Structure formats: structure tokens, C-alpha cells
């Protein structure tokens, strides 16, 4: 059996709501580049507009999501979430800048 998951205390639930909205939009083929910094526009936007969006459409809508880890380093905030979709549970990482722009949004493995 899979080990039990202990969610982290989420002191900023608005970021969890933002993650859910970003994932839902990407699943529908809507990725707004304006909310991403230069790195996010170069890496995450094309991923979410193509393979990532197709992946998200295939796994179905988000049923629930919890924060596993929240870290800040070198001006970037990195939040790792366990996201339960209709057909699969995955870990997704949301990296944001101090200004609130998305620096990265991508799935990660259990060891990441």
C-alpha cells in the first residue's frame, strides 16, 4: 500500500485555488501567458498548451488538492501539491515569483 500522505498547513489557500484554476484552464486549452514570468513563458506555457494540457484533459477535473510542501529560496516560492483528478492522482509543483507571477507549473514524481 502507498504511504499515508500528511498535508502541510496551508497558510495561503488562495495559491491552492490558483493552482486549481491554472490546471482547469490548461485542460481546456486556455493558458494565459501574461500570468507567467519570462522563464514560465518559455517553459511552462508551451508545455501546458501542448502535452500538459492534453494530459490534464485526459485525467479529468480536479476533485481535490492538498499542499505537501511550501518552500521559499532565491526569490522563488515552490509549492508541491498532491492533486486528485477524476481518473488519476498526481503531484504538481507551482513555482511563483515574489511578484506573484508563475515561474513554473509541472508534474513531479513522488521523490521530487
Protein backbone atom coordinates (compact mmCIF):
# COMPACT_ATOMS: atom_id res chain seq x y z
CA UNK A 1 0.00 0.00 0.00
CA UNK A 2 1.03 3.60 -0.63
CA UNK A 3 2.34 5.50 2.39
CA UNK A 4 -0.08 7.87 4.09
CA UNK A 5 0.13 11.46 2.90
CA UNK A 6 0.33 14.18 5.52
CA UNK A 7 -0.72 17.54 4.10
CA UNK A 8 1.25 20.61 5.13
CA UNK A 9 -0.50 23.52 6.81
CA UNK A 10 -1.58 25.85 4.00
CA UNK A 11 -1.17 29.44 5.18
CA UNK A 12 -2.14 30.82 1.79
CA UNK A 13 -5.08 28.82 0.39
CA UNK A 14 -5.54 31.37 -2.41
CA UNK A 15 -2.46 29.82 -4.06
CA UNK A 16 -4.14 26.41 -3.96
CA UNK A 17 -7.18 27.95 -5.66
CA UNK A 18 -4.86 29.49 -8.24
CA UNK A 19 -3.25 26.11 -8.92
CA UNK A 20 -6.67 24.52 -9.48
CA UNK A 21 -7.68 27.35 -11.83
CA UNK A 22 -4.43 27.07 -13.82
CA UNK A 23 -4.85 23.29 -14.17
CA UNK A 24 -8.50 23.60 -15.22
CA UNK A 25 -7.68 26.29 -17.79
CA UNK A 26 -4.82 24.25 -19.27
CA UNK A 27 -7.10 21.20 -19.55
CA UNK A 28 -9.47 23.37 -21.61
CA UNK A 29 -6.64 24.69 -23.80
CA UNK A 30 -6.60 28.13 -22.16
CA UNK A 31 -3.15 29.18 -20.94
CA UNK A 32 -2.74 32.91 -20.22
CA UNK A 33 0.94 33.74 -20.78
CA UNK A 34 0.51 37.13 -19.06
CA UNK A 35 0.42 35.44 -15.64
CA UNK A 36 3.86 33.87 -16.17
CA UNK A 37 7.35 35.36 -15.88
CA UNK A 38 9.86 35.05 -18.78
CA UNK A 39 11.01 31.58 -17.68
CA UNK A 40 7.43 30.40 -17.24
CA UNK A 41 6.50 31.74 -20.67
CA UNK A 42 9.47 29.91 -22.19
CA UNK A 43 8.98 26.56 -20.42
CA UNK A 44 5.62 26.09 -18.71
CA UNK A 45 3.30 27.88 -21.14
CA UNK A 46 4.31 25.75 -24.17
CA UNK A 47 4.18 22.58 -22.04
CA UNK A 48 0.71 23.40 -20.69
CA UNK A 49 -0.56 24.47 -24.13
CA UNK A 50 0.53 21.14 -25.64
CA UNK A 51 1.34 17.89 -23.81
CA UNK A 52 0.48 19.15 -20.33
CA UNK A 53 -2.93 20.34 -21.46
CA UNK A 54 -3.65 17.03 -23.17
CA UNK A 55 -2.55 15.18 -20.03
CA UNK A 56 -4.79 17.33 -17.85
CA UNK A 57 -7.76 16.85 -20.19
CA UNK A 58 -7.20 13.07 -20.06
CA UNK A 59 -7.12 12.77 -16.26
CA UNK A 60 -10.33 14.74 -15.79
CA UNK A 61 -11.21 17.62 -13.49
CA UNK A 62 -9.58 18.26 -10.13
CA UNK A 63 -11.57 16.62 -7.34
CA UNK A 64 -9.32 17.85 -4.54
CA UNK A 65 -5.80 19.10 -3.92
CA UNK A 66 -3.66 19.45 -0.81
CA UNK A 67 -0.38 21.17 -0.11
CA UNK A 68 2.51 18.83 0.66
CA UNK A 69 5.41 21.27 0.84
CA UNK A 70 5.92 25.05 0.70
CA UNK A 71 9.44 26.41 0.39
CA UNK A 72 11.00 29.76 -0.50
CA UNK A 73 14.53 30.10 -1.85
CA UNK A 74 16.33 32.60 -4.08
CA UNK A 75 13.21 34.72 -4.51
CA UNK A 76 11.04 31.84 -5.67
CA UNK A 77 8.25 30.13 -3.76
CA UNK A 78 7.90 26.43 -4.55
CA UNK A 79 4.72 24.62 -3.54
CA UNK A 80 4.27 20.91 -4.15
CA UNK A 81 0.68 19.64 -4.17
CA UNK A 82 -1.00 16.26 -4.28
CA UNK A 83 -3.80 16.66 -6.81
CA UNK A 84 -6.59 14.12 -7.11
CA UNK A 85 -8.13 14.29 -10.56
CA UNK A 86 -11.20 12.30 -11.65
CA UNK A 87 -9.04 9.49 -13.08
CA UNK A 88 -5.57 9.83 -11.50
CA UNK A 89 -3.71 11.30 -8.53
CA UNK A 90 -0.54 13.23 -9.30
CA UNK A 91 1.90 15.64 -7.70
CA UNK A 92 2.13 19.09 -9.28
CA UNK A 93 4.61 21.82 -8.45
CA UNK A 94 3.75 25.53 -8.65
CA UNK A 95 6.70 27.94 -8.53
CA UNK A 96 5.94 31.65 -8.21
CA UNK A 97 7.98 34.83 -8.06
CA UNK A 98 7.81 37.42 -5.28
CA UNK A 99 5.60 39.44 -7.65
CA UNK A 100 3.14 36.55 -7.93
CA UNK A 101 3.97 35.51 -11.50
CA UNK A 102 4.15 31.81 -12.32
CA UNK A 103 7.77 30.75 -12.84
CA UNK A 104 6.91 27.08 -13.32
CA UNK A 105 3.98 24.67 -13.25
CA UNK A 106 4.63 21.00 -13.91
CA UNK A 107 4.02 17.46 -12.63
CA UNK A 108 6.67 15.85 -10.44
CA UNK A 109 7.37 12.33 -9.23
CA UNK A 110 6.99 11.18 -5.65
CA UNK A 111 10.70 11.63 -4.99
CA UNK A 112 10.84 15.23 -6.26
